Amino acid sequence: MGDLILLRHGQTEWSKAGKHTGRTDVPITTVGAASAASLAPTLAKRQIVAVFTSPASRAVWTAELADLEGAGGRYPVKQDPDLWEWDYGGYEGMTTRQIQEQRPGWYLWRDGVIPGDAEHPGETVSQVGARADRVLARVAPLLRDGDVALVAHGHVLRVLTARYLELPPDGGRLFRLDTGTVSSLGTEHGEPVILTWNVPPSP
């Protein structure tokens, strides 16, 4: 039985500034590119049989730089729309401080988002959880043959981790996840567990 390998994409200018980045396609910075490339040696040691990324360029590029596109061409990298980041609706591009100026005490995991424009209608945490459940259902059969890597975004991967651990979607609030890191989920005595979490690239 393989492990589920989670990569949060490399740093972007928006993530560096603390801006909520849902469906806006912001590229990774040079720092983000370097951290993604630094993950390659660690990932090369894994028996990865499949790779899925968010369609966002910051995730796709992270997968390429981490050499997940191939390891000798053994497997293709597939884009999965269910791995898009949480749609922040009207809070897209805003920092927590900016949102709290409008809504004092606002907390994403409790208070959610407001609707935005047609490209950013917004999602509830339950809707993000439903997408995470679909991803987990698709990868479950593949884990019988080895590790599966998912390259995506901070909040959606946190929700996915909560659902993997059989917690409600808002349980993702418990798991801080930084850019350019790798985490792994597996089992112990047949029960889902976190094996490693928020591990930065080796120096």
C-alpha atoms as a PDB file:
ATOM      1  CA  MET A   1       0.000   0.000   0.000  1.00  0.00           C
ATOM      2  CA  GLY A   2       1.440   3.339  -1.030  1.00  0.00           C
ATOM      3  CA  ASP A   3       1.379   6.739   0.634  1.00  0.00           C
ATOM      4  CA  LEU A   4      -0.347   9.916  -0.482  1.00  0.00           C
ATOM      5  CA  ILE A   5       2.298  12.578  -1.126  1.00  0.00           C
ATOM      6  CA  LEU A   6       1.107  16.185  -0.895  1.00  0.00           C
ATOM      7  CA  LEU A   7       3.042  19.104  -2.363  1.00  0.00           C
ATOM      8  CA  ARG A   8       1.962  22.684  -1.881  1.00  0.00           C
ATOM      9  CA  HIS A   9       3.116  24.762  -4.835  1.00  0.00           C
ATOM     10  CA  GLY A  10       6.104  27.079  -4.560  1.00  0.00           C
ATOM     11  CA  GLN A  11       5.867  30.653  -3.346  1.00  0.00           C
ATOM     12  CA  THR A  12       4.012  33.252  -5.433  1.00  0.00           C
ATOM     13  CA  GLU A  13       3.955  37.016  -4.979  1.00  0.00           C
ATOM     14  CA  TRP A  14       0.409  36.698  -3.659  1.00  0.00           C
ATOM     15  CA  SER A  15       1.231  33.936  -1.161  1.00  0.00           C
ATOM     16  CA  LYS A  16       4.255  35.946  -0.020  1.00  0.00           C
ATOM     17  CA  ALA A  17       1.945  38.905   0.655  1.00  0.00           C
ATOM     18  CA  GLY A  18      -0.687  36.737   2.366  1.00  0.00           C
ATOM     19  CA  LYS A  19      -3.313  37.309  -0.316  1.00  0.00           C
ATOM     20  CA  HIS A  20      -6.054  34.719  -0.746  1.00  0.00           C
ATOM     21  CA  THR A  21      -5.315  33.118  -4.106  1.00  0.00           C
ATOM     22  CA  GLY A  22      -8.097  30.892  -5.351  1.00  0.00           C
ATOM     23  CA  ARG A  23      -8.693  30.769  -9.080  1.00  0.00           C
ATOM     24  CA  THR A  24      -6.368  33.646 -10.048  1.00  0.00           C
ATOM     25  CA  ASP A  25      -3.465  32.097 -11.942  1.00  0.00           C
ATOM     26  CA  VAL A  26      -0.448  33.704 -10.267  1.00  0.00           C
ATOM     27  CA  PRO A  27       3.003  32.325 -11.272  1.00  0.00           C
ATOM     28  CA  ILE A  28       5.577  31.164  -8.745  1.00  0.00           C
ATOM     29  CA  THR A  29       8.521  33.393  -7.887  1.00  0.00           C
ATOM     30  CA  THR A  30      12.193  32.560  -8.369  1.00  0.00           C
ATOM     31  CA  VAL A  31      12.259  31.581  -4.683  1.00  0.00           C
ATOM     32  CA  GLY A  32       9.243  29.351  -5.272  1.00  0.00           C
ATOM     33  CA  ALA A  33      10.884  27.753  -8.292  1.00  0.00           C
ATOM     34  CA  ALA A  34      14.058  27.030  -6.317  1.00  0.00           C
ATOM     35  CA  SER A  35      12.144  25.424  -3.449  1.00  0.00           C
ATOM     36  CA  ALA A  36      10.147  23.266  -5.868  1.00  0.00           C
ATOM     37  CA  ALA A  37      13.322  22.067  -7.586  1.00  0.00           C
ATOM     38  CA  SER A  38      14.856  21.295  -4.189  1.00  0.00           C
ATOM     39  CA  LEU A  39      12.108  18.739  -3.541  1.00  0.00           C
ATOM     40  CA  ALA A  40      13.218  16.566  -6.473  1.00  0.00           C
ATOM     41  CA  PRO A  41      15.895  14.487  -4.651  1.00  0.00           C
ATOM     42  CA  THR A  42      13.473  13.542  -1.877  1.00  0.00           C
ATOM     43  CA  LEU A  43      10.701  12.644  -4.288  1.00  0.00           C
ATOM     44  CA  ALA A  44      13.057  10.599  -6.464  1.00  0.00           C
ATOM     45  CA  LYS A  45      13.348   8.110  -3.588  1.00  0.00           C
ATOM     46  CA  ARG A  46       9.615   7.420  -3.585  1.00  0.00           C
ATOM     47  CA  GLN A  47       7.827   4.731  -5.582  1.00  0.00           C
ATOM     48  CA  ILE A  48       5.396   7.142  -7.199  1.00  0.00           C
ATOM     49  CA  VAL A  49       2.922   5.563  -9.600  1.00  0.00           C
ATOM     50  CA  ALA A  50       0.688   8.556 -10.404  1.00  0.00           C
ATOM     51  CA  VAL A  51       0.762  12.348 -10.176  1.00  0.00           C
ATOM     52  CA  PHE A  52      -2.167  14.771 -10.185  1.00  0.00           C
ATOM     53  CA  THR A  53      -1.953  18.556 -10.128  1.00  0.00           C
ATOM     54  CA  SER A  54      -4.300  21.473  -9.863  1.00  0.00           C
ATOM     55  CA  PRO A  55      -4.789  23.090 -13.290  1.00  0.00           C
ATOM     56  CA  ALA A  56      -3.194  26.291 -11.926  1.00  0.00           C
ATOM     57  CA  SER A  57       0.180  27.055 -13.521  1.00  0.00           C
ATOM     58  CA  ARG A  58       1.774  27.460 -10.081  1.00  0.00           C
ATOM     59  CA  ALA A  59       0.964  23.827  -9.317  1.00  0.00           C
ATOM     60  CA  VAL A  60       1.832  22.487 -12.772  1.00  0.00           C
ATOM     61  CA  TRP A  61       5.181  24.282 -12.758  1.00  0.00           C
ATOM     62  CA  THR A  62       5.951  23.029  -9.242  1.00  0.00           C
ATOM     63  CA  ALA A  63       5.372  19.459 -10.413  1.00  0.00           C
ATOM     64  CA  GLU A  64       7.690  19.981 -13.371  1.00  0.00           C
ATOM     65  CA  LEU A  65      10.466  21.548 -11.306  1.00  0.00           C
ATOM     66  CA  ALA A  66      10.207  18.801  -8.681  1.00  0.00           C
ATOM     67  CA  ASP A  67      10.792  16.341 -11.553  1.00  0.00           C
ATOM     68  CA  LEU A  68       7.419  14.698 -11.064  1.00  0.00           C
ATOM     69  CA  GLU A  69       6.696  14.928 -14.763  1.00  0.00           C
ATOM     70  CA  GLY A  70       8.433  11.840 -15.218  1.00  0.00           C
ATOM     71  CA  ALA A  71      11.109  10.065 -13.333  1.00  0.00           C
ATOM     72  CA  GLY A  72      12.070   8.483 -16.621  1.00  0.00           C
ATOM     73  CA  GLY A  73       8.611   8.916 -18.127  1.00  0.00           C
ATOM     74  CA  ARG A  74       7.063   6.154 -16.063  1.00  0.00           C
ATOM     75  CA  TYR A  75       3.857   8.071 -15.541  1.00  0.00           C
ATOM     76  CA  PRO A  76       2.136  11.165 -16.918  1.00  0.00           C
ATOM     77  CA  VAL A  77       1.142  14.166 -14.826  1.00  0.00           C
ATOM     78  CA  LYS A  78      -2.615  14.662 -14.989  1.00  0.00           C
ATOM     79  CA  GLN A  79      -4.483  17.845 -14.143  1.00  0.00           C
ATOM     80  CA  ASP A  80      -7.482  17.413 -11.843  1.00  0.00           C
ATOM     81  CA  PRO A  81      -9.967  20.324 -11.598  1.00  0.00           C
ATOM     82  CA  ASP A  82     -11.001  19.087  -8.152  1.00  0.00           C
ATOM     83  CA  LEU A  83      -7.555  20.131  -6.899  1.00  0.00           C
ATOM     84  CA  TRP A  84      -8.164  23.827  -7.584  1.00  0.00           C
ATOM     85  CA  GLU A  85      -7.782  26.007  -4.516  1.00  0.00           C
ATOM     86  CA  TRP A  86     -10.780  27.078  -2.438  1.00  0.00           C
ATOM     87  CA  ASP A  87     -12.761  29.634  -4.431  1.00  0.00           C
ATOM     88  CA  TYR A  88     -12.585  32.705  -2.181  1.00  0.00           C
ATOM     89  CA  GLY A  89     -15.294  34.589  -4.050  1.00  0.00           C
ATOM     90  CA  GLY A  90     -15.340  38.273  -3.153  1.00  0.00           C
ATOM     91  CA  TYR A  91     -12.260  37.846  -0.959  1.00  0.00           C
ATOM     92  CA  GLU A  92     -10.031  36.834  -3.866  1.00  0.00           C
ATOM     93  CA  GLY A  93      -6.753  38.753  -3.737  1.00  0.00           C
ATOM     94  CA  MET A  94      -7.382  40.140  -0.258  1.00  0.00           C
ATOM     95  CA  THR A  95      -5.334  39.543   2.884  1.00  0.00           C
ATOM     96  CA  THR A  96      -6.900  38.439   6.154  1.00  0.00           C
ATOM     97  CA  ARG A  97      -6.218  41.883   7.618  1.00  0.00           C
ATOM     98  CA  GLN A  98      -8.058  43.581   4.754  1.00  0.00           C
ATOM     99  CA  ILE A  99     -11.046  41.281   5.155  1.00  0.00           C
ATOM    100  CA  GLN A 100     -11.121  41.849   8.916  1.00  0.00           C
ATOM    101  CA  GLU A 101     -11.299  45.604   8.334  1.00  0.00           C
ATOM    102  CA  GLN A 102     -14.684  44.872   6.754  1.00  0.00           C
ATOM    103  CA  ARG A 103     -15.641  41.972   9.033  1.00  0.00           C
ATOM    104  CA  PRO A 104     -13.911  42.243  12.433  1.00  0.00           C
ATOM    105  CA  GLY A 105     -12.916  38.847  13.791  1.00  0.00           C
ATOM    106  CA  TRP A 106     -13.419  37.128  10.428  1.00  0.00           C
ATOM    107  CA  TYR A 107     -12.001  33.575  10.298  1.00  0.00           C
ATOM    108  CA  LEU A 108     -12.140  31.679   7.013  1.00  0.00           C
ATOM    109  CA  TRP A 109     -12.791  28.251   8.507  1.00  0.00           C
ATOM    110  CA  ARG A 110     -15.741  29.507  10.545  1.00  0.00           C
ATOM    111  CA  ASP A 111     -17.128  32.437   8.568  1.00  0.00           C
ATOM    112  CA  GLY A 112     -16.492  31.435   4.962  1.00  0.00           C
ATOM    113  CA  VAL A 113     -16.455  33.801   1.988  1.00  0.00           C
ATOM    114  CA  ILE A 114     -18.816  36.154   0.182  1.00  0.00           C
ATOM    115  CA  PRO A 115     -19.843  35.802  -3.488  1.00  0.00           C
ATOM    116  CA  GLY A 116     -17.606  37.475  -6.040  1.00  0.00           C
ATOM    117  CA  ASP A 117     -17.916  37.916  -9.788  1.00  0.00           C
ATOM    118  CA  ALA A 118     -18.725  35.253 -12.382  1.00  0.00           C
ATOM    119  CA  GLU A 119     -15.153  33.899 -12.276  1.00  0.00           C
ATOM    120  CA  HIS A 120     -15.095  33.836  -8.475  1.00  0.00           C
ATOM    121  CA  PRO A 121     -18.559  32.818  -7.246  1.00  0.00           C
ATOM    122  CA  GLY A 122     -17.144  31.480  -3.973  1.00  0.00           C
ATOM    123  CA  GLU A 123     -17.355  28.121  -2.211  1.00  0.00           C
ATOM    124  CA  THR A 124     -18.317  26.841   1.214  1.00  0.00           C
ATOM    125  CA  VAL A 125     -15.899  24.625   3.104  1.00  0.00           C
ATOM    126  CA  SER A 126     -18.338  21.753   2.541  1.00  0.00           C
ATOM    127  CA  GLN A 127     -18.092  22.234  -1.219  1.00  0.00           C
ATOM    128  CA  VAL A 128     -14.300  22.129  -1.005  1.00  0.00           C
ATOM    129  CA  GLY A 129     -14.669  18.978   1.088  1.00  0.00           C
ATOM    130  CA  ALA A 130     -16.827  17.362  -1.587  1.00  0.00           C
ATOM    131  CA  ARG A 131     -14.088  17.998  -4.162  1.00  0.00           C
ATOM    132  CA  ALA A 132     -11.496  16.528  -1.814  1.00  0.00           C
ATOM    133  CA  ASP A 133     -13.665  13.433  -1.343  1.00  0.00           C
ATOM    134  CA  ARG A 134     -13.793  12.924  -5.101  1.00  0.00           C
ATOM    135  CA  VAL A 135     -10.004  13.153  -5.354  1.00  0.00           C
ATOM    136  CA  LEU A 136      -9.535  10.642  -2.535  1.00  0.00           C
ATOM    137  CA  ALA A 137     -11.996   8.235  -4.137  1.00  0.00           C
ATOM    138  CA  ARG A 138     -10.118   8.382  -7.446  1.00  0.00           C
ATOM    139  CA  VAL A 139      -6.655   7.848  -5.975  1.00  0.00           C
ATOM    140  CA  ALA A 140      -7.591   5.084  -3.521  1.00  0.00           C
ATOM    141  CA  PRO A 141      -7.276   2.245  -6.081  1.00  0.00           C
ATOM    142  CA  LEU A 142      -3.928   3.607  -7.313  1.00  0.00           C
ATOM    143  CA  LEU A 143      -2.405   3.495  -3.835  1.00  0.00           C
ATOM    144  CA  ARG A 144      -2.472  -0.289  -3.999  1.00  0.00           C
ATOM    145  CA  ASP A 145       0.423  -0.087  -6.478  1.00  0.00           C
ATOM    146  CA  GLY A 146       2.547   2.623  -4.840  1.00  0.00           C
ATOM    147  CA  ASP A 147       2.661   6.284  -3.860  1.00  0.00           C
ATOM    148  CA  VAL A 148       0.430   8.925  -5.437  1.00  0.00           C
ATOM    149  CA  ALA A 149       1.503  12.588  -5.515  1.00  0.00           C
ATOM    150  CA  LEU A 150      -0.926  15.504  -5.419  1.00  0.00           C
ATOM    151  CA  VAL A 151       0.393  18.987  -6.237  1.00  0.00           C
ATOM    152  CA  ALA A 152      -2.014  21.716  -5.247  1.00  0.00           C
ATOM    153  CA  HIS A 153      -2.721  24.543  -2.809  1.00  0.00           C
ATOM    154  CA  GLY A 154      -2.686  25.217   0.895  1.00  0.00           C
ATOM    155  CA  HIS A 155      -6.346  25.227   1.825  1.00  0.00           C
ATOM    156  CA  VAL A 156      -7.570  22.487  -0.511  1.00  0.00           C
ATOM    157  CA  LEU A 157      -4.773  20.164   0.658  1.00  0.00           C
ATOM    158  CA  ARG A 158      -5.621  20.926   4.281  1.00  0.00           C
ATOM    159  CA  VAL A 159      -9.277  20.072   3.646  1.00  0.00           C
ATOM    160  CA  LEU A 160      -8.217  16.924   1.783  1.00  0.00           C
ATOM    161  CA  THR A 161      -6.074  15.898   4.743  1.00  0.00           C
ATOM    162  CA  ALA A 162      -8.998  16.375   7.113  1.00  0.00           C
ATOM    163  CA  ARG A 163     -11.216  14.214   4.934  1.00  0.00           C
ATOM    164  CA  TYR A 164      -8.494  11.544   4.614  1.00  0.00           C
ATOM    165  CA  LEU A 165      -8.384  11.420   8.413  1.00  0.00           C
ATOM    166  CA  GLU A 166     -12.202  11.146   8.476  1.00  0.00           C
ATOM    167  CA  LEU A 167     -12.605  14.615  10.003  1.00  0.00           C
ATOM    168  CA  PRO A 168     -15.142  17.191   8.795  1.00  0.00           C
ATOM    169  CA  PRO A 169     -13.835  19.523   6.079  1.00  0.00           C
ATOM    170  CA  ASP A 170     -13.272  22.395   8.505  1.00  0.00           C
ATOM    171  CA  GLY A 171     -10.827  20.159  10.356  1.00  0.00           C
ATOM    172  CA  GLY A 172      -8.334  21.449   7.807  1.00  0.00           C
ATOM    173  CA  ARG A 173      -7.902  24.458  10.104  1.00  0.00           C
ATOM    174  CA  LEU A 174      -5.704  22.253  12.315  1.00  0.00           C
ATOM    175  CA  PHE A 175      -2.980  21.751   9.706  1.00  0.00           C
ATOM    176  CA  ARG A 176      -0.769  24.682   8.772  1.00  0.00           C
ATOM    177  CA  LEU A 177       0.772  24.151   5.354  1.00  0.00           C
ATOM    178  CA  ASP A 178       3.501  26.374   3.900  1.00  0.00           C
ATOM    179  CA  THR A 179       4.463  26.878   0.262  1.00  0.00           C
ATOM    180  CA  GLY A 180       7.104  24.615  -1.272  1.00  0.00           C
ATOM    181  CA  THR A 181       6.660  21.827   1.261  1.00  0.00           C
ATOM    182  CA  VAL A 182       5.990  18.096   1.075  1.00  0.00           C
ATOM    183  CA  SER A 183       3.769  16.044   3.380  1.00  0.00           C
ATOM    184  CA  SER A 184       2.664  12.424   3.386  1.00  0.00           C
ATOM    185  CA  LEU A 185      -0.426  10.541   4.487  1.00  0.00           C
ATOM    186  CA  GLY A 186      -0.548   6.813   5.107  1.00  0.00           C
ATOM    187  CA  THR A 187      -1.899   4.217   7.510  1.00  0.00           C
ATOM    188  CA  GLU A 188      -1.035   2.631  10.830  1.00  0.00           C
ATOM    189  CA  HIS A 189      -2.761  -0.626  11.730  1.00  0.00           C
ATOM    190  CA  GLY A 190      -5.147   0.037   8.880  1.00  0.00           C
ATOM    191  CA  GLU A 191      -6.162   3.485  10.109  1.00  0.00           C
ATOM    192  CA  PRO A 192      -5.393   6.775   8.264  1.00  0.00           C
ATOM    193  CA  VAL A 193      -2.584   8.852   9.772  1.00  0.00           C
ATOM    194  CA  ILE A 194      -0.249  11.729   8.957  1.00  0.00           C
ATOM    195  CA  LEU A 195       3.233  10.339   8.324  1.00  0.00           C
ATOM    196  CA  THR A 196       5.074  13.623   7.728  1.00  0.00           C
ATOM    197  CA  TRP A 197       3.834  17.190   7.569  1.00  0.00           C
ATOM    198  CA  ASN A 198       4.926  20.556   6.169  1.00  0.00           C
ATOM    199  CA  VAL A 199       8.491  19.410   5.464  1.00  0.00           C
ATOM    200  CA  PRO A 200      10.567  22.089   3.703  1.00  0.00           C
ATOM    201  CA  PRO A 201      13.148  21.272   1.021  1.00  0.00           C
ATOM    202  CA  SER A 202      16.502  20.029   2.213  1.00  0.00           C
ATOM    203  CA  PRO A 203      19.062  22.859   2.385  1.00  0.00           C
END
